[in-house]
Amino acid sequence: MPLVQWMVWTVPTGIFFGVIALILTAMTTWQALAPSMERRGFLPIATTPGDRLFVGLLVSAYVHLAWLGVTRASLWVPLAVCVIWMWVVMRWG
């Protein structure tokens, strides 16, 4: 019996974690090849692109968890909200 069988990995779950891994790999590679300076945006602290990615992913997780806790409606709505949020925080955060 595989060690992670209890996790019940599905194709959407695998795709989700695969995309997150690709995003983190791309961000790490980008910052290794062309380091960027910290800057201040609308976030109350000076941040690098990696910091803004972390904040964006963290808020997106909470948005989805709140959505799941409040309603049984489709997850496409919070996904759209989070995509817009990520774009805003990466651009102006």
PDB file of N, CA and C in Angstrom:
ATOM      1  N   MET A   1       0.843  -1.173   0.000  1.00  0.00           N
ATOM      2  CA  MET A   1       0.000   0.000   0.000  1.00  0.00           C
ATOM      3  C   MET A   1       0.896   1.247   0.000  1.00  0.00           C
ATOM      4  N   PRO A   2       0.734   2.136  -1.001  1.00  0.00           N
ATOM      5  CA  PRO A   2       1.557   3.346  -1.036  1.00  0.00           C
ATOM      6  C   PRO A   2       1.301   4.238   0.170  1.00  0.00           C
ATOM      7  N   LEU A   3       2.314   4.952   0.541  1.00  0.00           N
ATOM      8  CA  LEU A   3       2.249   5.794   1.737  1.00  0.00           C
ATOM      9  C   LEU A   3       1.210   6.908   1.624  1.00  0.00           C
ATOM     10  N   VAL A   4       1.000   7.471   0.421  1.00  0.00           N
ATOM     11  CA  VAL A   4       0.086   8.599   0.278  1.00  0.00           C
ATOM     12  C   VAL A   4      -1.267   8.199  -0.295  1.00  0.00           C
ATOM     13  N   GLN A   5      -1.621   6.937  -0.257  1.00  0.00           N
ATOM     14  CA  GLN A   5      -2.894   6.496  -0.806  1.00  0.00           C
ATOM     15  C   GLN A   5      -4.077   7.131  -0.078  1.00  0.00           C
ATOM     16  N   TRP A   6      -3.952   7.412   1.202  1.00  0.00           N
ATOM     17  CA  TRP A   6      -5.035   8.012   1.976  1.00  0.00           C
ATOM     18  C   TRP A   6      -5.375   9.413   1.492  1.00  0.00           C
ATOM     19  N   MET A   7      -4.484  10.046   0.697  1.00  0.00           N
ATOM     20  CA  MET A   7      -4.716  11.413   0.251  1.00  0.00           C
ATOM     21  C   MET A   7      -5.708  11.493  -0.911  1.00  0.00           C
ATOM     22  N   VAL A   8      -5.993  10.401  -1.565  1.00  0.00           N
ATOM     23  CA  VAL A   8      -6.945  10.330  -2.659  1.00  0.00           C
ATOM     24  C   VAL A   8      -6.655  11.416  -3.699  1.00  0.00           C
ATOM     25  N   TRP A   9      -5.497  11.316  -4.325  1.00  0.00           N
ATOM     26  CA  TRP A   9      -5.109  12.272  -5.360  1.00  0.00           C
ATOM     27  C   TRP A   9      -6.000  12.088  -6.579  1.00  0.00           C
ATOM     28  N   THR A  10      -6.549  13.189  -7.053  1.00  0.00           N
ATOM     29  CA  THR A  10      -7.347  13.162  -8.273  1.00  0.00           C
ATOM     30  C   THR A  10      -6.590  13.950  -9.336  1.00  0.00           C
ATOM     31  N   VAL A  11      -7.043  13.859 -10.570  1.00  0.00           N
ATOM     32  CA  VAL A  11      -6.388  14.591 -11.648  1.00  0.00           C
ATOM     33  C   VAL A  11      -6.410  16.105 -11.393  1.00  0.00           C
ATOM     34  N   PRO A  12      -7.566  16.703 -11.009  1.00  0.00           N
ATOM     35  CA  PRO A  12      -7.540  18.142 -10.731  1.00  0.00           C
ATOM     36  C   PRO A  12      -6.573  18.516  -9.597  1.00  0.00           C
ATOM     37  N   THR A  13      -6.475  17.679  -8.580  1.00  0.00           N
ATOM     38  CA  THR A  13      -5.552  17.953  -7.481  1.00  0.00           C
ATOM     39  C   THR A  13      -4.114  17.907  -7.973  1.00  0.00           C
ATOM     40  N   GLY A  14      -3.805  16.900  -8.773  1.00  0.00           N
ATOM     41  CA  GLY A  14      -2.462  16.778  -9.343  1.00  0.00           C
ATOM     42  C   GLY A  14      -2.117  17.958 -10.241  1.00  0.00           C
ATOM     43  N   ILE A  15      -3.069  18.391 -11.049  1.00  0.00           N
ATOM     44  CA  ILE A  15      -2.853  19.550 -11.922  1.00  0.00           C
ATOM     45  C   ILE A  15      -2.617  20.804 -11.082  1.00  0.00           C
ATOM     46  N   PHE A  16      -3.426  20.984 -10.054  1.00  0.00           N
ATOM     47  CA  PHE A  16      -3.282  22.150  -9.175  1.00  0.00           C
ATOM     48  C   PHE A  16      -1.881  22.221  -8.580  1.00  0.00           C
ATOM     49  N   PHE A  17      -1.434  21.151  -7.949  1.00  0.00           N
ATOM     50  CA  PHE A  17      -0.119  21.169  -7.324  1.00  0.00           C
ATOM     51  C   PHE A  17       0.998  21.229  -8.360  1.00  0.00           C
ATOM     52  N   GLY A  18       0.777  20.645  -9.531  1.00  0.00           N
ATOM     53  CA  GLY A  18       1.754  20.747 -10.611  1.00  0.00           C
ATOM     54  C   GLY A  18       1.917  22.178 -11.086  1.00  0.00           C
ATOM     55  N   VAL A  19       0.804  22.893 -11.231  1.00  0.00           N
ATOM     56  CA  VAL A  19       0.865  24.296 -11.655  1.00  0.00           C
ATOM     57  C   VAL A  19       1.559  25.147 -10.609  1.00  0.00           C
ATOM     58  N   ILE A  20       1.256  24.929  -9.343  1.00  0.00           N
ATOM     59  CA  ILE A  20       1.928  25.678  -8.273  1.00  0.00           C
ATOM     60  C   ILE A  20       3.430  25.401  -8.307  1.00  0.00           C
ATOM     61  N   ALA A  21       3.819  24.146  -8.498  1.00  0.00           N
ATOM     62  CA  ALA A  21       5.244  23.797  -8.586  1.00  0.00           C
ATOM     63  C   ALA A  21       5.901  24.485  -9.780  1.00  0.00           C
ATOM     64  N   LEU A  22       5.219  24.534 -10.914  1.00  0.00           N
ATOM     65  CA  LEU A  22       5.765  25.214 -12.099  1.00  0.00           C
ATOM     66  C   LEU A  22       5.912  26.715 -11.859  1.00  0.00           C
ATOM     67  N   ILE A  23       4.927  27.323 -11.209  1.00  0.00           N
ATOM     68  CA  ILE A  23       5.000  28.756 -10.904  1.00  0.00           C
ATOM     69  C   ILE A  23       6.187  29.039  -9.989  1.00  0.00           C
ATOM     70  N   LEU A  24       6.352  28.240  -8.949  1.00  0.00           N
ATOM     71  CA  LEU A  24       7.468  28.440  -8.023  1.00  0.00           C
ATOM     72  C   LEU A  24       8.817  28.222  -8.705  1.00  0.00           C
ATOM     73  N   THR A  25       8.887  27.225  -9.573  1.00  0.00           N
ATOM     74  CA  THR A  25      10.122  26.964 -10.320  1.00  0.00           C
ATOM     75  C   THR A  25      10.440  28.125 -11.256  1.00  0.00           C
ATOM     76  N   ALA A  26       9.423  28.610 -11.964  1.00  0.00           N
ATOM     77  CA  ALA A  26       9.625  29.738 -12.877  1.00  0.00           C
ATOM     78  C   ALA A  26      10.065  30.985 -12.116  1.00  0.00           C
ATOM     79  N   MET A  27       9.431  31.268 -10.980  1.00  0.00           N
ATOM     80  CA  MET A  27       9.788  32.447 -10.199  1.00  0.00           C
ATOM     81  C   MET A  27      11.216  32.329  -9.664  1.00  0.00           C
ATOM     82  N   THR A  28      11.589  31.155  -9.196  1.00  0.00           N
ATOM     83  CA  THR A  28      12.941  30.943  -8.683  1.00  0.00           C
ATOM     84  C   THR A  28      13.970  31.132  -9.790  1.00  0.00           C
ATOM     85  N   THR A  29      13.704  30.557 -10.951  1.00  0.00           N
ATOM     86  CA  THR A  29      14.623  30.691 -12.088  1.00  0.00           C
ATOM     87  C   THR A  29      14.742  32.153 -12.505  1.00  0.00           C
ATOM     88  N   TRP A  30      13.603  32.838 -12.605  1.00  0.00           N
ATOM     89  CA  TRP A  30      13.599  34.248 -13.007  1.00  0.00           C
ATOM     90  C   TRP A  30      14.434  35.087 -12.041  1.00  0.00           C
ATOM     91  N   GLN A  31      14.239  34.883 -10.749  1.00  0.00           N
ATOM     92  CA  GLN A  31      14.965  35.670  -9.761  1.00  0.00           C
ATOM     93  C   GLN A  31      16.451  35.308  -9.711  1.00  0.00           C
ATOM     94  N   ALA A  32      16.792  34.062 -10.045  1.00  0.00           N
ATOM     95  CA  ALA A  32      18.200  33.672 -10.080  1.00  0.00           C
ATOM     96  C   ALA A  32      18.907  34.309 -11.281  1.00  0.00           C
ATOM     97  N   LEU A  33      18.206  34.402 -12.403  1.00  0.00           N
ATOM     98  CA  LEU A  33      18.805  34.963 -13.613  1.00  0.00           C
ATOM     99  C   LEU A  33      18.783  36.487 -13.620  1.00  0.00           C
ATOM    100  N   ALA A  34      17.744  37.090 -13.073  1.00  0.00           N
ATOM    101  CA  ALA A  34      17.600  38.549 -13.074  1.00  0.00           C
ATOM    102  C   ALA A  34      17.019  39.012 -11.739  1.00  0.00           C
ATOM    103  N   PRO A  35      17.866  39.089 -10.705  1.00  0.00           N
ATOM    104  CA  PRO A  35      17.365  39.506  -9.391  1.00  0.00           C
ATOM    105  C   PRO A  35      16.702  40.890  -9.464  1.00  0.00           C
ATOM    106  N   SER A  36      15.638  41.054  -8.716  1.00  0.00           N
ATOM    107  CA  SER A  36      14.938  42.335  -8.716  1.00  0.00           C
ATOM    108  C   SER A  36      15.065  42.979  -7.342  1.00  0.00           C
ATOM    109  N   MET A  37      14.895  44.278  -7.345  1.00  0.00           N
ATOM    110  CA  MET A  37      14.983  45.052  -6.111  1.00  0.00           C
ATOM    111  C   MET A  37      13.613  45.074  -5.424  1.00  0.00           C
ATOM    112  N   GLU A  38      13.634  45.282  -4.118  1.00  0.00           N
ATOM    113  CA  GLU A  38      12.374  45.458  -3.392  1.00  0.00           C
ATOM    114  C   GLU A  38      11.741  46.770  -3.817  1.00  0.00           C
ATOM    115  N   ARG A  39      10.409  46.808  -3.804  1.00  0.00           N
ATOM    116  CA  ARG A  39       9.700  48.050  -4.096  1.00  0.00           C
ATOM    117  C   ARG A  39       8.449  48.115  -3.249  1.00  0.00           C
ATOM    118  N   ARG A  40       7.948  49.324  -3.097  1.00  0.00           N
ATOM    119  CA  ARG A  40       6.715  49.534  -2.339  1.00  0.00           C
ATOM    120  C   ARG A  40       5.572  49.774  -3.301  1.00  0.00           C
ATOM    121  N   GLY A  41       4.500  49.060  -3.086  1.00  0.00           N
ATOM    122  CA  GLY A  41       3.279  49.263  -3.840  1.00  0.00           C
ATOM    123  C   GLY A  41       2.165  49.554  -2.856  1.00  0.00           C
ATOM    124  N   PHE A  42       0.996  48.970  -3.086  1.00  0.00           N
ATOM    125  CA  PHE A  42      -0.104  49.200  -2.138  1.00  0.00           C
ATOM    126  C   PHE A  42       0.012  48.325  -0.899  1.00  0.00           C
ATOM    127  N   LEU A  43       0.860  47.286  -0.944  1.00  0.00           N
ATOM    128  CA  LEU A  43       1.096  46.484   0.264  1.00  0.00           C
ATOM    129  C   LEU A  43       1.888  47.340   1.256  1.00  0.00           C
ATOM    130  N   PRO A  44       1.672  47.149   2.558  1.00  0.00           N
ATOM    131  CA  PRO A  44       2.288  48.043   3.550  1.00  0.00           C
ATOM    132  C   PRO A  44       3.782  47.800   3.787  1.00  0.00           C
ATOM    133  N   ILE A  45       4.409  46.923   3.011  1.00  0.00           N
ATOM    134  CA  ILE A  45       5.830  46.645   3.177  1.00  0.00           C
ATOM    135  C   ILE A  45       6.497  46.633   1.811  1.00  0.00           C
ATOM    136  N   ALA A  46       7.814  46.812   1.801  1.00  0.00           N
ATOM    137  CA  ALA A  46       8.564  46.676   0.559  1.00  0.00           C
ATOM    138  C   ALA A  46       8.647  45.190   0.226  1.00  0.00           C
ATOM    139  N   THR A  47       8.369  44.842  -1.032  1.00  0.00           N
ATOM    140  CA  THR A  47       8.308  43.432  -1.412  1.00  0.00           C
ATOM    141  C   THR A  47       9.078  43.160  -2.698  1.00  0.00           C
ATOM    142  N   THR A  48       9.515  41.915  -2.832  1.00  0.00           N
ATOM    143  CA  THR A  48      10.093  41.420  -4.077  1.00  0.00           C
ATOM    144  C   THR A  48       8.985  40.658  -4.806  1.00  0.00           C
ATOM    145  N   PRO A  49       9.197  40.296  -6.067  1.00  0.00           N
ATOM    146  CA  PRO A  49       8.172  39.501  -6.762  1.00  0.00           C
ATOM    147  C   PRO A  49       7.848  38.190  -6.038  1.00  0.00           C
ATOM    148  N   GLY A  50       8.837  37.579  -5.419  1.00  0.00           N
ATOM    149  CA  GLY A  50       8.585  36.349  -4.661  1.00  0.00           C
ATOM    150  C   GLY A  50       7.690  36.578  -3.466  1.00  0.00           C
ATOM    151  N   ASP A  51       7.894  37.689  -2.785  1.00  0.00           N
ATOM    152  CA  ASP A  51       7.029  38.051  -1.655  1.00  0.00           C
ATOM    153  C   ASP A  51       5.594  38.248  -2.119  1.00  0.00           C
ATOM    154  N   ARG A  52       5.433  38.968  -3.244  1.00  0.00           N
ATOM    155  CA  ARG A  52       4.094  39.226  -3.768  1.00  0.00           C
ATOM    156  C   ARG A  52       3.432  37.933  -4.227  1.00  0.00           C
ATOM    157  N   LEU A  53       4.210  37.006  -4.799  1.00  0.00           N
ATOM    158  CA  LEU A  53       3.660  35.699  -5.177  1.00  0.00           C
ATOM    159  C   LEU A  53       3.160  34.968  -3.936  1.00  0.00           C
ATOM    160  N   PHE A  54       3.941  34.968  -2.873  1.00  0.00           N
ATOM    161  CA  PHE A  54       3.552  34.301  -1.638  1.00  0.00           C
ATOM    162  C   PHE A  54       2.278  34.906  -1.069  1.00  0.00           C
ATOM    163  N   VAL A  55       2.213  36.239  -0.993  1.00  0.00           N
ATOM    164  CA  VAL A  55       1.021  36.919  -0.475  1.00  0.00           C
ATOM    165  C   VAL A  55      -0.184  36.577  -1.342  1.00  0.00           C
ATOM    166  N   GLY A  56       0.001  36.618  -2.659  1.00  0.00           N
ATOM    167  CA  GLY A  56      -1.097  36.310  -3.573  1.00  0.00           C
ATOM    168  C   GLY A  56      -1.616  34.893  -3.412  1.00  0.00           C
ATOM    169  N   LEU A  57      -0.708  33.922  -3.303  1.00  0.00           N
ATOM    170  CA  LEU A  57      -1.127  32.528  -3.121  1.00  0.00           C
ATOM    171  C   LEU A  57      -1.799  32.316  -1.771  1.00  0.00           C
ATOM    172  N   LEU A  58      -1.285  32.965  -0.737  1.00  0.00           N
ATOM    173  CA  LEU A  58      -1.870  32.822   0.596  1.00  0.00           C
ATOM    174  C   LEU A  58      -3.288  33.381   0.633  1.00  0.00           C
ATOM    175  N   VAL A  59      -3.478  34.579   0.096  1.00  0.00           N
ATOM    176  CA  VAL A  59      -4.818  35.176   0.066  1.00  0.00           C
ATOM    177  C   VAL A  59      -5.750  34.324  -0.795  1.00  0.00           C
ATOM    178  N   SER A  60      -5.250  33.814  -1.907  1.00  0.00           N
ATOM    179  CA  SER A  60      -6.075  32.964  -2.781  1.00  0.00           C
ATOM    180  C   SER A  60      -6.539  31.706  -2.050  1.00  0.00           C
ATOM    181  N   ALA A  61      -5.671  31.118  -1.254  1.00  0.00           N
ATOM    182  CA  ALA A  61      -6.057  29.933  -0.481  1.00  0.00           C
ATOM    183  C   ALA A  61      -7.169  30.282   0.502  1.00  0.00           C
ATOM    184  N   TYR A  62      -7.037  31.410   1.192  1.00  0.00           N
ATOM    185  CA  TYR A  62      -8.072  31.808   2.149  1.00  0.00           C
ATOM    186  C   TYR A  62      -9.387  32.157   1.463  1.00  0.00           C
ATOM    187  N   VAL A  63      -9.312  32.777   0.296  1.00  0.00           N
ATOM    188  CA  VAL A  63     -10.538  33.080  -0.455  1.00  0.00           C
ATOM    189  C   VAL A  63     -11.266  31.788  -0.806  1.00  0.00           C
ATOM    190  N   HIS A  64     -10.518  30.794  -1.283  1.00  0.00           N
ATOM    191  CA  HIS A  64     -11.150  29.518  -1.644  1.00  0.00           C
ATOM    192  C   HIS A  64     -11.709  28.795  -0.422  1.00  0.00           C
ATOM    193  N   LEU A  65     -10.960  28.806   0.678  1.00  0.00           N
ATOM    194  CA  LEU A  65     -11.460  28.148   1.895  1.00  0.00           C
ATOM    195  C   LEU A  65     -12.713  28.839   2.415  1.00  0.00           C
ATOM    196  N   ALA A  66     -12.730  30.163   2.387  1.00  0.00           N
ATOM    197  CA  ALA A  66     -13.920  30.900   2.821  1.00  0.00           C
ATOM    198  C   ALA A  66     -15.099  30.578   1.906  1.00  0.00           C
ATOM    199  N   TRP A  67     -14.860  30.519   0.617  1.00  0.00           N
ATOM    200  CA  TRP A  67     -15.917  30.197  -0.343  1.00  0.00           C
ATOM    201  C   TRP A  67     -16.495  28.814  -0.045  1.00  0.00           C
ATOM    202  N   LEU A  68     -15.605  27.844   0.188  1.00  0.00           N
ATOM    203  CA  LEU A  68     -16.065  26.486   0.495  1.00  0.00           C
ATOM    204  C   LEU A  68     -16.834  26.437   1.807  1.00  0.00           C
ATOM    205  N   GLY A  69     -16.437  27.282   2.767  1.00  0.00           N
ATOM    206  CA  GLY A  69     -17.120  27.300   4.058  1.00  0.00           C
ATOM    207  C   GLY A  69     -18.475  27.983   4.026  1.00  0.00           C
ATOM    208  N   VAL A  70     -18.680  28.889   3.081  1.00  0.00           N
ATOM    209  CA  VAL A  70     -19.903  29.681   3.054  1.00  0.00           C
ATOM    210  C   VAL A  70     -20.935  29.129   2.070  1.00  0.00           C
ATOM    211  N   THR A  71     -20.480  28.584   0.953  1.00  0.00           N
ATOM    212  CA  THR A  71     -21.417  28.177  -0.093  1.00  0.00           C
ATOM    213  C   THR A  71     -20.978  26.883  -0.770  1.00  0.00           C
ATOM    214  N   ARG A  72     -21.909  26.268  -1.444  1.00  0.00           N
ATOM    215  CA  ARG A  72     -21.604  25.078  -2.227  1.00  0.00           C
ATOM    216  C   ARG A  72     -21.583  25.405  -3.720  1.00  0.00           C
ATOM    217  N   ALA A  73     -21.594  26.695  -4.038  1.00  0.00           N
ATOM    218  CA  ALA A  73     -21.594  27.131  -5.430  1.00  0.00           C
ATOM    219  C   ALA A  73     -20.256  26.769  -6.096  1.00  0.00           C
ATOM    220  N   SER A  74     -20.230  26.896  -7.386  1.00  0.00           N
ATOM    221  CA  SER A  74     -19.067  26.539  -8.194  1.00  0.00           C
ATOM    222  C   SER A  74     -17.816  27.298  -7.758  1.00  0.00           C
ATOM    223  N   LEU A  75     -16.681  26.637  -7.864  1.00  0.00           N
ATOM    224  CA  LEU A  75     -15.414  27.259  -7.511  1.00  0.00           C
ATOM    225  C   LEU A  75     -14.862  28.146  -8.626  1.00  0.00           C
ATOM    226  N   TRP A  76     -15.568  28.260  -9.732  1.00  0.00           N
ATOM    227  CA  TRP A  76     -15.108  29.117 -10.828  1.00  0.00           C
ATOM    228  C   TRP A  76     -15.128  30.588 -10.419  1.00  0.00           C
ATOM    229  N   VAL A  77     -16.064  30.975  -9.578  1.00  0.00           N
ATOM    230  CA  VAL A  77     -16.154  32.380  -9.141  1.00  0.00           C
ATOM    231  C   VAL A  77     -14.924  32.773  -8.313  1.00  0.00           C
ATOM    232  N   PRO A  78     -14.584  32.032  -7.251  1.00  0.00           N
ATOM    233  CA  PRO A  78     -13.387  32.438  -6.505  1.00  0.00           C
ATOM    234  C   PRO A  78     -12.112  32.277  -7.336  1.00  0.00           C
ATOM    235  N   LEU A  79     -12.103  31.328  -8.269  1.00  0.00           N
ATOM    236  CA  LEU A  79     -10.936  31.201  -9.139  1.00  0.00           C
ATOM    237  C   LEU A  79     -10.749  32.476  -9.956  1.00  0.00           C
ATOM    238  N   ALA A  80     -11.836  32.995 -10.527  1.00  0.00           N
ATOM    239  CA  ALA A  80     -11.751  34.239 -11.302  1.00  0.00           C
ATOM    240  C   ALA A  80     -11.300  35.399 -10.407  1.00  0.00           C
ATOM    241  N   VAL A  81     -11.861  35.482  -9.201  1.00  0.00           N
ATOM    242  CA  VAL A  81     -11.472  36.536  -8.261  1.00  0.00           C
ATOM    243  C   VAL A  81      -9.979  36.432  -7.936  1.00  0.00           C
ATOM    244  N   CYS A  82      -9.504  35.209  -7.721  1.00  0.00           N
ATOM    245  CA  CYS A  82      -8.106  35.014  -7.344  1.00  0.00           C
ATOM    246  C   CYS A  82      -7.145  35.280  -8.505  1.00  0.00           C
ATOM    247  N   VAL A  83      -7.550  34.971  -9.712  1.00  0.00           N
ATOM    248  CA  VAL A  83      -6.710  35.279 -10.872  1.00  0.00           C
ATOM    249  C   VAL A  83      -6.556  36.790 -10.994  1.00  0.00           C
ATOM    250  N   ILE A  84      -7.651  37.519 -10.827  1.00  0.00           N
ATOM    251  CA  ILE A  84      -7.587  38.988 -10.866  1.00  0.00           C
ATOM    252  C   ILE A  84      -6.739  39.506  -9.708  1.00  0.00           C
ATOM    253  N   TRP A  85      -6.940  38.950  -8.524  1.00  0.00           N
ATOM    254  CA  TRP A  85      -6.163  39.346  -7.342  1.00  0.00           C
ATOM    255  C   TRP A  85      -4.672  39.137  -7.585  1.00  0.00           C
ATOM    256  N   MET A  86      -4.297  37.961  -8.115  1.00  0.00           N
ATOM    257  CA  MET A  86      -2.881  37.672  -8.365  1.00  0.00           C
ATOM    258  C   MET A  86      -2.297  38.672  -9.352  1.00  0.00           C
ATOM    259  N   TRP A  87      -3.055  39.001 -10.384  1.00  0.00           N
ATOM    260  CA  TRP A  87      -2.578  39.956 -11.380  1.00  0.00           C
ATOM    261  C   TRP A  87      -2.355  41.313 -10.728  1.00  0.00           C
ATOM    262  N   VAL A  88      -3.306  41.766  -9.910  1.00  0.00           N
ATOM    263  CA  VAL A  88      -3.201  43.071  -9.247  1.00  0.00           C
ATOM    264  C   VAL A  88      -2.025  43.102  -8.277  1.00  0.00           C
ATOM    265  N   VAL A  89      -1.899  42.086  -7.453  1.00  0.00           N
ATOM    266  CA  VAL A  89      -0.833  42.096  -6.437  1.00  0.00           C
ATOM    267  C   VAL A  89       0.551  41.965  -7.090  1.00  0.00           C
ATOM    268  N   MET A  90       0.657  41.186  -8.164  1.00  0.00           N
ATOM    269  CA  MET A  90       1.955  41.065  -8.839  1.00  0.00           C
ATOM    270  C   MET A  90       2.295  42.338  -9.598  1.00  0.00           C
ATOM    271  N   ARG A  91       1.298  43.050 -10.085  1.00  0.00           N
ATOM    272  CA  ARG A  91       1.535  44.269 -10.865  1.00  0.00           C
ATOM    273  C   ARG A  91       1.749  45.490  -9.975  1.00  0.00           C
ATOM    274  N   TRP A  92       0.889  45.698  -8.999  1.00  0.00           N
ATOM    275  CA  TRP A  92       0.920  46.920  -8.198  1.00  0.00           C
ATOM    276  C   TRP A  92       1.186  46.705  -6.718  1.00  0.00           C
ATOM    277  N   GLY A  93       1.329  45.451  -6.290  1.00  0.00           N
ATOM    278  CA  GLY A  93       1.519  45.173  -4.864  1.00  0.00           C
ATOM    279  C   GLY A  93       2.835  45.618  -4.412  1.00  0.00           C
TER     280      GLY A  93
END
